[in-house]
Amino acid sequence: MLKNKKIPFVRFYKFNELFFNHPYICDMKKILAIILTTIFIVAALYYAFVYYVPYSEGVRSGELIKISKKGLLIKTWEGEISQGVSGAQIFKFSIEDKEEIVIKNMQLFQGRYVKVTYKERFGSLFWLGDTNYFITKIEEEQSPHFRGVQKND
């Protein structure tokens, strides 16, 4: 009686063996592997290009009006510098977490006239910041609006 009964697992195993060794399935596996590898390489090249190749580098001056760490899931340091007398020109920037000295100086120079050195990237990666401008150095500077005025001690 046991000899006439077929075990379903064996039948399924043979089906799997026949199905997954079929030439079309093997070709689909290779194509899928090639597509996934290509997507990974393109993403890695995009990241390397955006992160390591600066679009421009420069210096800007103005009154540091805002520095904050914000973000819903990933917190990034963001800030603003007012470059005009009326505050019409606002320079928005980001600071990478690895720039600890810059972050501490930003908090110290809040509300003062500063000169910042920045690098502009082609794009922004969400875990680095909201803008394409990343501050690399900050220095306190004398405001051009009050250069002739001396402080009374």
C-alpha atoms as a PDB file:
ATOM      1  CA  MET A   1       0.000   0.000   0.000  1.00  0.00           C
ATOM      2  CA  LEU A   2       2.819   2.438   0.731  1.00  0.00           C
ATOM      3  CA  LYS A   3       4.440   1.681  -2.591  1.00  0.00           C
ATOM      4  CA  ASN A   4       1.502   3.095  -4.560  1.00  0.00           C
ATOM      5  CA  LYS A   5       1.363   6.383  -2.644  1.00  0.00           C
ATOM      6  CA  LYS A   6       3.469   9.201  -3.985  1.00  0.00           C
ATOM      7  CA  ILE A   7       4.907  11.703  -1.586  1.00  0.00           C
ATOM      8  CA  PRO A   8       3.884  15.244  -2.647  1.00  0.00           C
ATOM      9  CA  PHE A   9       7.187  16.771  -1.454  1.00  0.00           C
ATOM     10  CA  VAL A  10       9.166  14.695  -3.918  1.00  0.00           C
ATOM     11  CA  ARG A  11       6.906  15.789  -6.748  1.00  0.00           C
ATOM     12  CA  PHE A  12       7.253  19.451  -5.680  1.00  0.00           C
ATOM     13  CA  TYR A  13      11.017  19.073  -5.390  1.00  0.00           C
ATOM     14  CA  LYS A  14      11.246  17.706  -8.930  1.00  0.00           C
ATOM     15  CA  PHE A  15       9.033  20.545 -10.179  1.00  0.00           C
ATOM     16  CA  ASN A  16      11.317  23.098  -8.503  1.00  0.00           C
ATOM     17  CA  GLU A  17      14.372  21.423  -9.919  1.00  0.00           C
ATOM     18  CA  LEU A  18      12.902  21.438 -13.414  1.00  0.00           C
ATOM     19  CA  PHE A  19      11.454  24.940 -13.142  1.00  0.00           C
ATOM     20  CA  PHE A  20      14.436  26.793 -11.691  1.00  0.00           C
ATOM     21  CA  ASN A  21      16.930  25.048 -13.938  1.00  0.00           C
ATOM     22  CA  HIS A  22      14.959  25.971 -17.022  1.00  0.00           C
ATOM     23  CA  PRO A  23      17.106  28.080 -19.416  1.00  0.00           C
ATOM     24  CA  TYR A  24      14.653  31.007 -19.436  1.00  0.00           C
ATOM     25  CA  ILE A  25      14.563  31.184 -15.637  1.00  0.00           C
ATOM     26  CA  CYS A  26      18.358  31.091 -15.431  1.00  0.00           C
ATOM     27  CA  ASP A  27      18.517  33.930 -17.975  1.00  0.00           C
ATOM     28  CA  MET A  28      15.997  35.937 -15.944  1.00  0.00           C
ATOM     29  CA  LYS A  29      18.135  35.465 -12.821  1.00  0.00           C
ATOM     30  CA  LYS A  30      21.188  36.750 -14.672  1.00  0.00           C
ATOM     31  CA  ILE A  31      19.278  39.731 -16.064  1.00  0.00           C
ATOM     32  CA  LEU A  32      17.895  40.577 -12.613  1.00  0.00           C
ATOM     33  CA  ALA A  33      21.392  40.342 -11.105  1.00  0.00           C
ATOM     34  CA  ILE A  34      22.779  42.621 -13.831  1.00  0.00           C
ATOM     35  CA  ILE A  35      19.978  45.164 -13.336  1.00  0.00           C
ATOM     36  CA  LEU A  36      20.426  45.243  -9.535  1.00  0.00           C
ATOM     37  CA  THR A  37      24.213  45.535  -9.862  1.00  0.00           C
ATOM     38  CA  THR A  38      23.830  48.384 -12.358  1.00  0.00           C
ATOM     39  CA  ILE A  39      21.410  50.238 -10.065  1.00  0.00           C
ATOM     40  CA  PHE A  40      23.832  49.837  -7.137  1.00  0.00           C
ATOM     41  CA  ILE A  41      26.818  51.092  -9.180  1.00  0.00           C
ATOM     42  CA  VAL A  42      24.882  54.097 -10.535  1.00  0.00           C
ATOM     43  CA  ALA A  43      23.712  55.015  -7.005  1.00  0.00           C
ATOM     44  CA  ALA A  44      27.275  54.723  -5.655  1.00  0.00           C
ATOM     45  CA  LEU A  45      28.651  56.886  -8.483  1.00  0.00           C
ATOM     46  CA  TYR A  46      25.930  59.505  -7.920  1.00  0.00           C
ATOM     47  CA  TYR A  47      26.705  59.620  -4.193  1.00  0.00           C
ATOM     48  CA  ALA A  48      30.459  59.904  -4.830  1.00  0.00           C
ATOM     49  CA  PHE A  49      29.940  62.653  -7.413  1.00  0.00           C
ATOM     50  CA  VAL A  50      27.554  64.708  -5.278  1.00  0.00           C
ATOM     51  CA  TYR A  51      29.581  64.318  -2.082  1.00  0.00           C
ATOM     52  CA  TYR A  52      33.185  64.608  -3.285  1.00  0.00           C
ATOM     53  CA  VAL A  53      33.007  66.946  -6.308  1.00  0.00           C
ATOM     54  CA  PRO A  54      32.254  70.551  -5.276  1.00  0.00           C
ATOM     55  CA  TYR A  55      30.390  72.760  -7.727  1.00  0.00           C
ATOM     56  CA  SER A  56      31.887  75.937  -6.260  1.00  0.00           C
ATOM     57  CA  GLU A  57      33.724  77.237  -3.222  1.00  0.00           C
ATOM     58  CA  GLY A  58      33.520  80.721  -1.783  1.00  0.00           C
ATOM     59  CA  VAL A  59      33.138  83.148   1.092  1.00  0.00           C
ATOM     60  CA  ARG A  60      30.078  85.093   2.255  1.00  0.00           C
ATOM     61  CA  SER A  61      29.615  87.641   5.014  1.00  0.00           C
ATOM     62  CA  GLY A  62      26.611  88.782   6.968  1.00  0.00           C
ATOM     63  CA  GLU A  63      24.792  88.678  10.261  1.00  0.00           C
ATOM     64  CA  LEU A  64      24.254  85.156  11.557  1.00  0.00           C
ATOM     65  CA  ILE A  65      20.530  85.152  12.302  1.00  0.00           C
ATOM     66  CA  LYS A  66      19.726  81.461  12.692  1.00  0.00           C
ATOM     67  CA  ILE A  67      21.411  78.182  13.559  1.00  0.00           C
ATOM     68  CA  SER A  68      19.333  75.115  14.367  1.00  0.00           C
ATOM     69  CA  LYS A  69      19.299  71.351  14.232  1.00  0.00           C
ATOM     70  CA  LYS A  70      16.140  70.245  12.478  1.00  0.00           C
ATOM     71  CA  GLY A  71      14.584  67.321  10.692  1.00  0.00           C
ATOM     72  CA  LEU A  72      11.804  64.819  11.176  1.00  0.00           C
ATOM     73  CA  LEU A  73      13.775  61.563  11.070  1.00  0.00           C
ATOM     74  CA  ILE A  74      17.357  62.697  10.502  1.00  0.00           C
ATOM     75  CA  LYS A  75      18.479  65.874  12.265  1.00  0.00           C
ATOM     76  CA  THR A  76      20.782  68.177  10.284  1.00  0.00           C
ATOM     77  CA  TRP A  77      22.343  71.531  11.166  1.00  0.00           C
ATOM     78  CA  GLU A  78      20.854  74.396   9.156  1.00  0.00           C
ATOM     79  CA  GLY A  79      21.433  78.132   9.344  1.00  0.00           C
ATOM     80  CA  GLU A  80      20.800  81.520   7.767  1.00  0.00           C
ATOM     81  CA  ILE A  81      22.883  84.640   7.276  1.00  0.00           C
ATOM     82  CA  SER A  82      21.331  88.037   6.527  1.00  0.00           C
ATOM     83  CA  GLN A  83      23.457  89.725   3.862  1.00  0.00           C
ATOM     84  CA  GLY A  84      21.608  92.998   3.513  1.00  0.00           C
ATOM     85  CA  VAL A  85      20.709  95.942   5.709  1.00  0.00           C
ATOM     86  CA  SER A  86      17.005  95.189   5.420  1.00  0.00           C
ATOM     87  CA  GLY A  87      17.490  91.420   5.589  1.00  0.00           C
ATOM     88  CA  ALA A  88      16.216  91.002   2.037  1.00  0.00           C
ATOM     89  CA  GLN A  89      19.078  88.702   1.047  1.00  0.00           C
ATOM     90  CA  ILE A  90      19.159  85.539   3.121  1.00  0.00           C
ATOM     91  CA  PHE A  91      21.909  82.953   2.601  1.00  0.00           C
ATOM     92  CA  LYS A  92      20.718  79.511   3.715  1.00  0.00           C
ATOM     93  CA  PHE A  93      23.302  76.839   4.454  1.00  0.00           C
ATOM     94  CA  SER A  94      23.895  73.458   6.054  1.00  0.00           C
ATOM     95  CA  ILE A  95      26.672  72.171   8.285  1.00  0.00           C
ATOM     96  CA  GLU A  96      27.847  68.568   8.364  1.00  0.00           C
ATOM     97  CA  ASP A  97      27.884  66.862  11.765  1.00  0.00           C
ATOM     98  CA  LYS A  98      31.627  66.205  11.477  1.00  0.00           C
ATOM     99  CA  GLU A  99      32.301  69.998  11.547  1.00  0.00           C
ATOM    100  CA  GLU A 100      32.004  70.199  15.350  1.00  0.00           C
ATOM    101  CA  ILE A 101      34.216  73.300  15.729  1.00  0.00           C
ATOM    102  CA  VAL A 102      32.169  75.180  13.125  1.00  0.00           C
ATOM    103  CA  ILE A 103      28.914  74.250  14.897  1.00  0.00           C
ATOM    104  CA  LYS A 104      30.223  75.440  18.279  1.00  0.00           C
ATOM    105  CA  ASN A 105      31.473  78.713  16.743  1.00  0.00           C
ATOM    106  CA  MET A 106      28.121  79.234  14.991  1.00  0.00           C
ATOM    107  CA  GLN A 107      26.337  78.959  18.323  1.00  0.00           C
ATOM    108  CA  LEU A 108      28.862  81.352  19.887  1.00  0.00           C
ATOM    109  CA  PHE A 109      28.601  83.955  17.073  1.00  0.00           C
ATOM    110  CA  GLN A 110      24.775  83.944  16.925  1.00  0.00           C
ATOM    111  CA  GLY A 111      23.544  87.491  16.151  1.00  0.00           C
ATOM    112  CA  ARG A 112      27.009  88.747  15.181  1.00  0.00           C
ATOM    113  CA  TYR A 113      28.569  89.669  11.850  1.00  0.00           C
ATOM    114  CA  VAL A 114      30.516  86.697  10.475  1.00  0.00           C
ATOM    115  CA  LYS A 115      32.420  85.547   7.408  1.00  0.00           C
ATOM    116  CA  VAL A 116      31.833  81.936   6.348  1.00  0.00           C
ATOM    117  CA  THR A 117      33.728  79.762   3.906  1.00  0.00           C
ATOM    118  CA  TYR A 118      31.511  77.298   2.053  1.00  0.00           C
ATOM    119  CA  LYS A 119      31.485  74.682  -0.648  1.00  0.00           C
ATOM    120  CA  GLU A 120      28.518  74.212  -2.941  1.00  0.00           C
ATOM    121  CA  ARG A 121      27.655  70.721  -4.115  1.00  0.00           C
ATOM    122  CA  PHE A 122      25.739  69.692  -7.236  1.00  0.00           C
ATOM    123  CA  GLY A 123      22.951  68.232  -5.146  1.00  0.00           C
ATOM    124  CA  SER A 124      21.931  67.553  -1.602  1.00  0.00           C
ATOM    125  CA  LEU A 125      21.732  64.228   0.160  1.00  0.00           C
ATOM    126  CA  PHE A 126      18.904  64.176   2.704  1.00  0.00           C
ATOM    127  CA  TRP A 127      21.073  62.931   5.570  1.00  0.00           C
ATOM    128  CA  LEU A 128      23.613  65.750   5.108  1.00  0.00           C
ATOM    129  CA  GLY A 129      21.373  68.814   4.900  1.00  0.00           C
ATOM    130  CA  ASP A 130      18.586  70.696   3.151  1.00  0.00           C
ATOM    131  CA  THR A 131      20.741  72.993   1.012  1.00  0.00           C
ATOM    132  CA  ASN A 132      23.598  72.603  -1.454  1.00  0.00           C
ATOM    133  CA  TYR A 133      25.801  75.007   0.558  1.00  0.00           C
ATOM    134  CA  PHE A 134      27.965  73.463   3.296  1.00  0.00           C
ATOM    135  CA  ILE A 135      29.959  75.639   5.702  1.00  0.00           C
ATOM    136  CA  THR A 136      33.574  74.590   6.297  1.00  0.00           C
ATOM    137  CA  LYS A 137      34.883  77.578   8.294  1.00  0.00           C
ATOM    138  CA  ILE A 138      33.515  80.574  10.221  1.00  0.00           C
ATOM    139  CA  GLU A 139      35.208  83.742  11.474  1.00  0.00           C
ATOM    140  CA  GLU A 140      33.812  86.700  13.374  1.00  0.00           C
ATOM    141  CA  GLU A 141      34.169  89.949  11.456  1.00  0.00           C
ATOM    142  CA  GLN A 142      33.473  93.621  12.083  1.00  0.00           C
ATOM    143  CA  SER A 143      30.200  94.773  10.550  1.00  0.00           C
ATOM    144  CA  PRO A 144      30.631  97.195   7.621  1.00  0.00           C
ATOM    145  CA  HIS A 145      27.597  99.108   8.909  1.00  0.00           C
ATOM    146  CA  PHE A 146      29.362 100.096  12.137  1.00  0.00           C
ATOM    147  CA  ARG A 147      33.012 100.416  11.064  1.00  0.00           C
ATOM    148  CA  GLY A 148      33.249 104.112  11.953  1.00  0.00           C
ATOM    149  CA  VAL A 149      31.538 103.677  15.301  1.00  0.00           C
ATOM    150  CA  GLN A 150      33.736 102.912  18.298  1.00  0.00           C
ATOM    151  CA  LYS A 151      32.510 101.262  21.460  1.00  0.00           C
ATOM    152  CA  ASN A 152      32.655 103.237  24.701  1.00  0.00           C
ATOM    153  CA  ASP A 153      34.062 101.141  27.518  1.00  0.00           C
END
